Amino acid sequence: RLGKSGLKVSRIILGCMSYGDKDWQPWVLGEEEGIKHIKAAFAAGINTFDTANMYSDGESERILGKAIKEIGAPRSSFVILTKV
């Protein structure tokens, strides 16, 4: 749980800065690989994901959203940490 909020966050949080467009940074992984990582993390019990609109010019958030849609679990199953 996150403090006294009652929000259930996983002990491990997956940072999504490395998902997006290689034009942003050469070490960034593309959409297909990012979605694969996110799905594997969720299957392993990770429900908390960290991203930001500045990561790969918003591509990180878009990829995370697409992965969540493909997983098909209720939105309440995920905790998304983002910043502007």
Protein backbone atom coordinates (compact mmCIF):
# COMPACT_ATOMS: atom_id res chain seq x y z
CA ARG A 1 0.00 0.00 0.00
CA LEU A 2 1.11 3.53 -0.70
CA GLY A 3 1.15 5.27 2.64
CA LYS A 4 -2.33 5.56 4.11
CA SER A 5 -3.98 5.99 0.71
CA GLY A 6 -4.98 2.35 0.35
CA LEU A 7 -3.49 2.29 -3.14
CA LYS A 8 -1.92 -1.12 -3.76
CA VAL A 9 1.43 -0.72 -5.48
CA SER A 10 3.76 -3.55 -6.35
CA ARG A 11 7.06 -3.88 -4.49
CA ILE A 12 8.82 -3.49 -7.82
CA ILE A 13 7.95 -0.61 -10.16
CA LEU A 14 8.75 -0.85 -13.87
CA GLY A 15 10.27 2.35 -15.23
CA CYS A 16 9.21 2.96 -18.82
CA MET A 17 11.79 5.59 -19.81
CA SER A 18 13.49 3.07 -22.08
CA TYR A 19 10.42 2.53 -24.30
CA GLY A 20 9.73 4.76 -27.27
CA ASP A 21 11.59 6.00 -30.32
CA LYS A 22 15.31 5.45 -30.97
CA ASP A 23 15.43 8.95 -32.49
CA TRP A 24 15.03 10.26 -28.93
CA GLN A 25 17.93 8.20 -27.52
CA PRO A 26 19.83 5.35 -29.21
CA TRP A 27 19.31 2.98 -26.25
CA VAL A 28 15.50 3.22 -26.35
CA LEU A 29 13.52 0.06 -27.13
CA GLY A 30 10.73 0.20 -29.69
CA GLU A 31 7.02 -0.38 -29.23
CA GLU A 32 7.02 -4.14 -29.81
CA GLU A 33 9.79 -4.81 -27.29
CA GLY A 34 8.35 -2.35 -24.77
CA ILE A 35 4.92 -3.97 -24.88
CA LYS A 36 6.53 -7.38 -24.43
CA HIS A 37 8.35 -6.13 -21.30
CA ILE A 38 5.24 -4.51 -19.84
CA LYS A 39 3.13 -7.63 -20.40
CA ALA A 40 5.80 -9.83 -18.80
CA ALA A 41 6.07 -7.48 -15.82
CA PHE A 42 2.30 -7.50 -15.28
CA ALA A 43 2.19 -11.30 -15.58
CA ALA A 44 4.93 -11.45 -12.91
CA GLY A 45 2.84 -9.37 -10.49
CA ILE A 46 4.11 -5.87 -11.21
CA ASN A 47 1.17 -3.48 -11.35
CA THR A 48 2.99 -0.15 -10.99
CA PHE A 49 4.60 1.62 -13.94
CA ASP A 50 6.55 4.88 -14.01
CA THR A 51 6.58 7.08 -17.11
CA ALA A 52 6.57 10.73 -18.19
CA ASN A 53 5.43 12.74 -21.17
CA MET A 54 9.03 13.81 -21.78
CA TYR A 55 10.26 10.24 -22.28
CA SER A 56 10.70 9.83 -26.02
CA ASP A 57 8.37 12.80 -26.60
CA GLY A 58 5.38 11.00 -25.10
CA GLU A 59 5.96 7.66 -26.82
CA SER A 60 6.63 5.94 -23.49
CA GLU A 61 3.15 6.86 -22.24
CA ARG A 62 1.53 5.82 -25.52
CA ILE A 63 3.30 2.44 -25.48
CA LEU A 64 2.29 1.85 -21.87
CA GLY A 65 -1.32 2.68 -22.74
CA LYS A 66 -1.28 0.31 -25.70
CA ALA A 67 0.18 -2.49 -23.57
CA ILE A 68 -2.48 -1.97 -20.90
CA LYS A 69 -5.19 -2.13 -23.56
CA GLU A 70 -3.71 -5.35 -24.99
CA ILE A 71 -3.47 -6.93 -21.53
CA GLY A 72 -7.20 -6.35 -21.15
CA ALA A 73 -7.25 -6.20 -17.35
CA PRO A 74 -9.43 -3.54 -15.68
CA ARG A 75 -7.75 -0.12 -15.47
CA SER A 76 -8.00 -0.39 -11.68
CA SER A 77 -5.45 -3.24 -11.89
CA PHE A 78 -2.70 -0.74 -12.77
CA VAL A 79 -0.98 2.08 -10.94
CA ILE A 80 0.56 4.55 -13.37
CA LEU A 81 3.03 7.12 -12.12
CA THR A 82 3.64 9.95 -14.56
CA LYS A 83 4.92 13.48 -14.45
CA VAL A 84 4.86 16.56 -16.65
